[in-house]
Protein backbone atom coordinates (compact mmCIF):
# COMPACT_ATOMS: atom_id res chain seq x y z
CA MET A 1 -69.55 67.75 -103.91
CA PRO A 2 -68.66 68.66 -100.34
CA PRO A 3 -70.70 67.34 -97.44
CA PRO A 4 -73.52 69.43 -96.22
CA SER A 5 -72.24 69.60 -92.60
CA ALA A 6 -69.00 71.17 -93.71
CA ASN A 7 -70.79 73.60 -95.76
CA ALA A 8 -73.11 74.46 -92.96
CA ARG A 9 -70.21 75.26 -90.56
CA SER A 10 -68.45 77.18 -93.21
CA VAL A 11 -71.42 79.20 -93.91
CA GLU A 12 -72.18 79.94 -90.16
CA PRO A 13 -72.16 83.51 -89.49
CA PRO A 14 -69.31 85.05 -87.34
CA SER A 15 -71.81 86.27 -84.74
CA ALA A 16 -72.81 82.71 -83.93
CA ARG A 17 -69.18 81.79 -83.39
CA ARG A 18 -68.61 84.70 -81.06
CA SER A 19 -71.69 83.87 -78.97
CA SER A 20 -70.52 80.17 -78.27
CA ALA A 21 -66.90 81.03 -77.33
CA PRO A 22 -67.62 82.25 -73.71
CA TRP A 23 -69.45 79.12 -72.84
CA VAL A 24 -66.53 77.07 -73.97
CA ALA A 25 -64.25 79.16 -71.88
CA ILE A 26 -66.54 78.85 -68.87
CA ILE A 27 -66.75 75.13 -69.26
CA ALA A 28 -62.98 74.93 -69.61
CA ILE A 29 -62.55 77.07 -66.53
CA GLY A 30 -65.01 75.01 -64.62
CA LEU A 31 -63.32 71.83 -65.66
CA ALA A 32 -60.02 73.36 -64.65
CA ILE A 33 -61.47 74.41 -61.30
CA ALA A 34 -62.97 70.95 -60.82
CA ALA A 35 -59.73 69.34 -61.75
CA ALA A 36 -57.84 71.68 -59.45
CA ALA A 37 -60.36 70.98 -56.61
CA TYR A 38 -60.09 67.27 -57.22
CA ALA A 39 -56.33 67.57 -57.31
CA HIS A 40 -56.39 69.51 -54.10
CA VAL A 41 -58.56 66.92 -52.41
CA GLN A 42 -56.36 64.14 -53.67
CA LEU A 43 -53.32 66.08 -52.57
CA GLY A 44 -54.86 66.52 -49.10
CA ASN A 45 -55.64 62.83 -48.94
CA LEU A 46 -52.12 62.04 -50.08
CA ARG A 47 -50.70 64.35 -47.44
CA LYS A 48 -52.83 62.73 -44.76
CA GLU A 49 -51.81 59.31 -45.92
CA SER A 50 -48.26 60.38 -46.09
CA ALA A 51 -48.45 61.89 -42.62
CA ARG A 52 -50.09 58.77 -41.29
CA ARG A 53 -47.54 56.51 -42.88
CA LEU A 54 -44.73 58.87 -41.75
CA GLY A 55 -46.07 58.59 -38.22
CA GLU A 56 -46.28 54.85 -38.44
CA LEU A 57 -42.84 54.84 -39.90
CA GLU A 58 -41.56 57.00 -37.06
CA GLN A 59 -43.25 54.78 -34.49
CA ALA A 60 -41.83 51.73 -36.19
CA THR A 61 -38.47 53.42 -36.23
CA LEU A 62 -38.79 54.24 -32.52
CA ARG A 63 -39.81 50.71 -31.85
CA ALA A 64 -36.96 49.44 -33.98
CA ASN A 65 -34.55 51.79 -32.20
CA GLU A 66 -35.86 50.65 -28.80
CA THR A 67 -35.55 47.04 -29.89
CA ALA A 68 -32.12 47.75 -31.26
CA ASN A 69 -31.17 49.50 -28.05
CA ARG A 70 -32.61 46.62 -26.01
CA ALA A 71 -30.80 44.17 -28.24
CA ASP A 72 -27.58 46.14 -27.88
CA ALA A 73 -28.05 46.28 -24.13
CA GLU A 74 -28.74 42.56 -24.03
CA ALA A 75 -25.82 41.88 -26.34
CA ARG A 76 -23.60 44.06 -24.18
CA ALA A 77 -24.82 42.30 -21.05
CA ALA A 78 -24.29 38.99 -22.75
CA ARG A 79 -20.80 40.01 -23.71
CA GLU A 80 -20.14 41.11 -20.18
CA ARG A 81 -21.45 37.81 -18.78
CA THR A 82 -19.45 35.93 -21.39
CA ALA A 83 -16.32 37.84 -20.42
CA LEU A 84 -17.03 37.19 -16.72
CA LEU A 85 -17.64 33.51 -17.43
CA GLU A 86 -14.47 33.34 -19.50
CA ALA A 87 -12.54 34.99 -16.69
CA ARG A 88 -14.01 32.57 -14.13
CA LEU A 89 -13.35 29.70 -16.47
CA ALA A 90 -9.76 30.78 -16.95
CA GLU A 91 -9.40 31.20 -13.16
CA GLU A 92 -10.89 27.72 -12.54
CA GLN A 93 -8.70 26.31 -15.27
CA GLY A 94 -5.67 27.82 -13.60
CA GLN A 95 -6.74 26.49 -10.22
CA ARG A 96 -7.38 23.06 -11.66
CA GLU A 97 -3.96 23.00 -13.33
CA ALA A 98 -2.40 24.14 -10.05
CA LEU A 99 -4.27 21.41 -8.19
CA GLU A 100 -3.31 18.83 -10.78
CA GLN A 101 0.31 19.92 -10.52
CA LEU A 102 0.14 19.83 -6.74
CA TYR A 103 -1.47 16.37 -6.84
CA ALA A 104 1.17 15.22 -9.27
CA ASP A 105 3.88 16.52 -7.03
CA LEU A 106 2.34 14.95 -3.98
CA SER A 107 1.78 11.66 -5.86
CA ARG A 108 5.37 11.74 -7.10
CA GLY A 109 6.67 12.43 -3.61
CA ARG A 110 4.45 9.70 -2.11
CA ASP A 111 5.54 7.24 -4.77
CA GLU A 112 9.16 8.16 -4.09
CA ALA A 113 8.70 7.68 -0.36
CA VAL A 114 7.06 4.23 -0.98
CA LEU A 115 9.93 3.28 -3.30
CA VAL A 116 12.47 4.28 -0.69
CA GLU A 117 10.75 2.18 1.98
CA VAL A 118 10.36 -0.77 -0.39
CA GLU A 119 14.03 -0.54 -1.37
CA ARG A 120 15.03 -0.58 2.27
CA LEU A 121 12.89 -3.69 2.94
CA VAL A 122 14.15 -5.55 -0.13
CA ALA A 123 17.77 -4.66 0.71
CA MET A 124 17.26 -5.89 4.25
CA ALA A 125 15.82 -9.13 2.93
CA GLY A 126 18.81 -9.55 0.62
CA GLN A 127 21.23 -8.97 3.54
CA GLU A 128 19.40 -11.56 5.70
CA LEU A 129 19.76 -14.11 2.91
CA SER A 130 23.38 -13.40 2.01
CA ILE A 131 24.76 -12.99 5.54
CA SER A 132 22.70 -15.22 7.88
CA GLY A 133 20.55 -17.15 5.42
CA ASN A 134 17.46 -16.26 7.42
CA VAL A 135 14.69 -17.13 4.96
CA ALA A 136 11.87 -16.37 7.38
CA THR A 137 13.02 -12.81 8.01
CA ALA A 138 13.65 -12.17 4.33
CA LEU A 139 10.20 -13.52 3.44
CA ALA A 140 8.55 -11.29 6.02
CA ALA A 141 10.42 -8.26 4.62
CA LEU A 142 9.34 -9.00 1.06
CA GLN A 143 5.74 -9.55 2.04
CA THR A 144 5.78 -6.23 3.91
CA ALA A 145 7.18 -4.49 0.79
CA ASP A 146 4.43 -6.06 -1.37
CA VAL A 147 1.69 -4.89 1.08
CA ARG A 148 3.17 -1.39 1.02
CA LEU A 149 3.10 -1.28 -2.78
CA ALA A 150 -0.44 -2.68 -2.87
CA ARG A 151 -1.68 0.23 -0.71
CA THR A 152 -0.65 2.77 -3.33
CA ASP A 153 -2.75 1.09 -6.01
CA SER A 154 -0.55 2.44 -8.82
CA ALA A 155 -0.13 0.74 -12.18
CA ARG A 156 3.47 1.98 -12.22
CA PHE A 157 4.38 -0.61 -9.54
CA LEU A 158 2.82 -3.64 -11.25
CA PRO A 159 6.12 -4.91 -12.80
CA LEU A 160 7.87 -4.44 -9.44
CA ARG A 161 5.11 -6.31 -7.60
CA ARG A 162 5.32 -9.21 -10.06
CA MET A 163 9.01 -9.44 -9.46
CA ILE A 164 8.63 -9.36 -5.65
CA ALA A 165 5.82 -11.92 -5.82
CA ARG A 166 8.03 -14.31 -7.77
CA ASP A 167 10.78 -14.02 -5.13
CA ILE A 168 8.19 -14.54 -2.38
CA GLU A 169 7.11 -17.80 -3.94
CA ARG A 170 10.73 -18.88 -4.25
CA LEU A 171 11.39 -18.17 -0.59
CA LYS A 172 8.19 -20.00 0.52
CA VAL A 173 9.50 -23.28 -0.99
CA ALA A 174 13.09 -22.77 0.16
CA PRO A 175 14.51 -24.96 3.00
CA THR A 176 14.70 -22.98 6.24
CA VAL A 177 16.52 -23.31 9.51
CA ASP A 178 15.16 -21.41 12.52
CA ILE A 179 18.46 -19.82 13.48
CA ALA A 180 16.91 -17.34 15.82
CA GLY A 181 14.84 -19.99 17.58
CA MET A 182 17.85 -22.27 17.94
CA ALA A 183 19.96 -19.38 19.33
CA VAL A 184 17.30 -18.52 21.90
CA LYS A 185 17.04 -22.15 22.96
CA LEU A 186 20.82 -22.38 23.38
CA ASP A 187 20.72 -19.19 25.51
CA GLN A 188 18.04 -20.76 27.71
CA ILE A 189 20.03 -23.99 28.10
CA ALA A 190 23.22 -22.01 28.95
CA ALA A 191 21.30 -19.96 31.53
CA GLY A 192 20.09 -23.15 33.29
CA VAL A 193 23.48 -24.82 33.60
CA ASP A 194 23.97 -23.48 37.17
CA THR A 195 20.82 -25.35 38.33
CA TRP A 196 21.78 -28.72 36.91
CA PRO A 197 22.72 -31.37 39.49
CA LEU A 198 26.28 -32.71 39.11
CA LEU A 199 27.23 -36.27 39.90
CA SER A 200 29.80 -34.94 42.34
CA ASP A 201 27.25 -32.88 44.22
CA ALA A 202 26.05 -34.92 47.21
CA ARG A 203 23.17 -32.58 47.99
CA ALA A 204 21.89 -32.80 44.47
CA ALA A 205 22.17 -36.56 44.51
CA SER A 206 20.30 -36.69 47.85
CA ALA A 207 17.57 -34.44 46.41
CA THR A 208 17.33 -36.63 43.33
CA GLY A 209 17.07 -39.76 45.41
CA ALA A 210 14.45 -38.13 47.72
CA SER A 211 12.35 -37.02 44.74
CA ALA A 212 12.04 -40.59 43.49
CA PRO A 213 8.79 -42.27 44.42
CA THR A 214 9.10 -44.61 47.38
CA THR A 215 6.82 -47.16 48.94
CA PRO A 216 6.39 -48.03 52.59
CA PRO A 217 8.85 -50.60 53.97
CA GLU A 218 6.20 -53.17 54.55
CA THR A 219 5.15 -53.11 50.88
CA THR A 220 8.68 -52.97 49.38
CA GLY A 221 10.00 -56.16 47.87
CA PRO A 222 12.51 -57.29 45.36
CA SER A 223 11.33 -56.80 41.77
CA PRO A 224 11.13 -60.12 39.93
CA GLY A 225 13.39 -60.49 36.98
CA SER A 226 15.73 -57.59 38.00
CA PRO A 227 19.51 -58.07 38.38
CA TRP A 228 20.77 -59.29 41.75
CA TRP A 229 22.44 -56.02 42.66
CA GLU A 230 19.21 -54.08 42.14
CA ARG A 231 17.32 -56.59 44.31
CA TRP A 232 20.05 -56.17 46.90
CA ILE A 233 19.69 -52.35 46.81
CA GLU A 234 15.96 -52.56 47.18
CA ARG A 235 16.23 -54.93 50.08
CA LEU A 236 18.77 -52.70 51.74
CA GLN A 237 16.58 -49.64 51.35
CA ALA A 238 13.71 -51.56 52.82
CA GLU A 239 15.81 -52.54 55.87
CA LEU A 240 17.05 -48.96 56.36
CA GLY A 241 13.43 -47.76 56.68
CA GLU A 242 13.14 -44.07 57.62
CA TYR A 243 16.92 -43.70 57.56
CA ARG A 244 17.31 -44.73 53.92
CA ASP A 245 17.60 -41.04 52.83
CA LEU A 246 20.90 -40.85 54.68
CA VAL A 247 22.38 -43.35 52.34
CA VAL A 248 22.10 -42.86 48.56
CA LEU A 249 23.14 -45.63 46.22
CA ARG A 250 23.79 -44.62 42.59
CA ARG A 251 25.31 -46.18 39.53
CA VAL A 252 27.90 -43.91 37.97
CA GLU A 253 29.55 -44.70 34.63
CA THR A 254 32.46 -42.29 35.19
CA PRO A 255 33.73 -42.61 38.75
CA GLU A 256 36.13 -39.70 38.32
CA SER A 257 33.06 -37.36 38.11
CA LEU A 258 32.47 -37.94 41.87
CA LEU A 259 35.90 -36.54 42.77
CA LEU A 260 35.29 -32.95 41.55
CA GLN A 261 35.86 -30.28 44.21
CA PRO A 262 33.49 -27.27 44.48
CA GLN A 263 35.91 -25.08 42.55
CA GLN A 264 36.22 -27.65 39.85
CA GLN A 265 32.46 -27.90 39.73
CA GLN A 266 32.16 -24.18 39.00
CA LEU A 267 34.84 -24.50 36.29
CA LEU A 268 32.88 -27.41 34.82
CA ARG A 269 29.66 -25.46 34.72
CA LEU A 270 31.54 -22.51 33.18
CA GLN A 271 33.07 -24.79 30.52
CA ILE A 272 29.64 -26.22 29.61
CA ARG A 273 28.18 -22.72 29.36
CA MET A 274 31.07 -21.48 27.25
CA ARG A 275 30.67 -24.44 24.88
CA LEU A 276 26.99 -23.67 24.46
CA LEU A 277 27.61 -19.92 23.90
CA THR A 278 30.38 -20.67 21.39
CA ALA A 279 28.01 -22.97 19.58
CA ARG A 280 25.47 -20.14 19.57
CA SER A 281 28.00 -17.81 17.99
CA ALA A 282 28.88 -20.45 15.37
CA LEU A 283 25.16 -20.87 14.70
CA LEU A 284 24.69 -17.17 14.00
CA THR A 285 27.64 -17.16 11.62
CA ARG A 286 26.46 -20.47 10.07
CA ASN A 287 29.79 -22.15 10.82
CA ASP A 288 28.54 -25.71 10.61
CA ARG A 289 31.78 -27.42 11.64
CA LEU A 290 32.42 -25.32 14.75
CA PHE A 291 28.75 -25.41 15.77
CA ARG A 292 28.67 -29.20 15.64
CA ALA A 293 32.00 -29.57 17.42
CA ASP A 294 30.95 -27.33 20.35
CA LEU A 295 27.69 -29.14 20.74
CA LEU A 296 29.34 -32.54 20.76
CA GLU A 297 31.85 -31.31 23.35
CA ALA A 298 29.03 -29.88 25.51
CA GLN A 299 27.11 -33.13 25.14
CA ALA A 300 30.16 -35.16 26.28
CA LEU A 301 30.66 -32.95 29.33
CA ILE A 302 27.01 -33.17 30.30
CA THR A 303 26.83 -36.97 30.01
CA ARG A 304 30.11 -37.41 31.89
CA HIS A 305 29.58 -35.02 34.84
CA VAL A 306 25.85 -34.12 35.08
CA ASP A 307 22.98 -36.20 36.40
CA VAL A 308 21.06 -36.86 33.16
CA ARG A 309 18.11 -38.28 35.07
CA HIS A 310 17.07 -34.81 36.03
CA PRO A 311 14.19 -33.62 33.81
CA ASN A 312 15.77 -30.27 32.89
CA VAL A 313 19.09 -31.93 32.05
CA ALA A 314 17.36 -34.69 30.01
CA ALA A 315 15.40 -32.06 27.99
CA ALA A 316 18.53 -29.95 27.42
CA LEU A 317 20.54 -32.95 26.32
CA ALA A 318 17.79 -34.02 23.85
CA THR A 319 17.76 -30.55 22.40
CA ILE A 320 21.57 -30.47 22.04
CA ARG A 321 21.52 -33.85 20.25
CA GLN A 322 18.78 -32.61 17.88
CA PHE A 323 20.75 -29.42 17.11
CA ALA A 324 23.89 -31.40 16.48
CA THR A 325 22.19 -33.23 13.66
CA THR A 326 20.80 -30.07 12.00
CA ALA A 327 22.56 -28.86 8.85
CA LEU A 328 23.18 -25.14 8.84
CA SER A 329 24.69 -24.80 5.32
CA MET A 330 21.68 -24.65 2.97
CA GLU A 331 21.55 -22.98 -0.37
CA VAL A 332 18.95 -20.19 -0.25
CA PRO A 333 17.65 -18.19 -3.24
CA GLN A 334 18.81 -14.66 -3.81
CA ILE A 335 16.57 -11.65 -4.59
CA ASN A 336 18.91 -9.53 -6.64
CA ASP A 337 16.25 -9.13 -9.37
CA SER A 338 13.79 -7.58 -7.00
CA LEU A 339 16.39 -5.11 -5.69
CA ALA A 340 17.32 -4.18 -9.25
CA ALA A 341 13.65 -3.70 -10.15
CA VAL A 342 13.16 -1.33 -7.15
CA ARG A 343 16.16 0.74 -8.12
CA ALA A 344 15.00 0.87 -11.73
CA ALA A 345 11.52 2.01 -10.60
CA ARG A 346 13.10 4.94 -8.73
CA VAL A 347 14.65 6.26 -11.96
CA VAL A 348 12.11 8.79 -13.36
CA PRO A 349 12.51 9.68 -17.02
CA GLY A 350 13.44 13.28 -17.57
CA ARG A 351 14.92 13.83 -14.11
């Protein structure tokens, strides 16, 4: 049995169905209009929102473009500054390299000049030692060379300075003879030969006797304990009184020295001077045998013909005797190692 509702609808009359159809259409149209109005409102809102967001997006894009442009400008300025700094750095680097090269050239030239000077000093010291044996001059030359190297303050010269310092210590303990001082002293003695009083010179003997201290006649008396002939001379001088200077009494070991004529006296002085100058030449050449022989000959001539009581003669004779006992031939150290070290230091690798 069918339900009653279905039957009721199936039995509704057609007029009733025709009367309800417009209302359904109106409602559908209203709903459609409402939906369209709502859709239009939503579409407007969407457009507004889209426009707003599009504006914000455009502003953001503008800001981003400005930021990008600013960043590009800053990056471009940074690149320009970096390029300028790199150019300046390269220029400064080139200048520094040029300065370093110039300093190296100057330093090399200065070191070379120092080595040339040091080589000259060391060579001079070696010549002084090998030729004349003058240790003092050689020592002074080596010390000057060491001071010159010390002023450069270069580690390159340390081995050379050690070698020179070793030779300096060797020369300090080496036996030395003052050749130059002895030569000057012999020159002075030879120059004073003309002023020496000879035994044959009466005026010199008178001057020597007058220079001796005298006492008044009333206080003069024989010296006790003296030989008889000295007491007789003193008594005779006391009796002569003020005229005693006219008579000079002397004791002469070589009577022939009193017989020299003026011309012979000049020859004698010349011979003594020549002996002293020959001894000086032998001294400079370190000829020990000739030096000693000339000094002994000069000493013999002085003691035979010159008044040795004169102070200058006595001092000269003492000096000659001292020089005659001085040995000239002494073994001195050589400095060949220092000279070789200097020449080796001048050899620069790669040149």
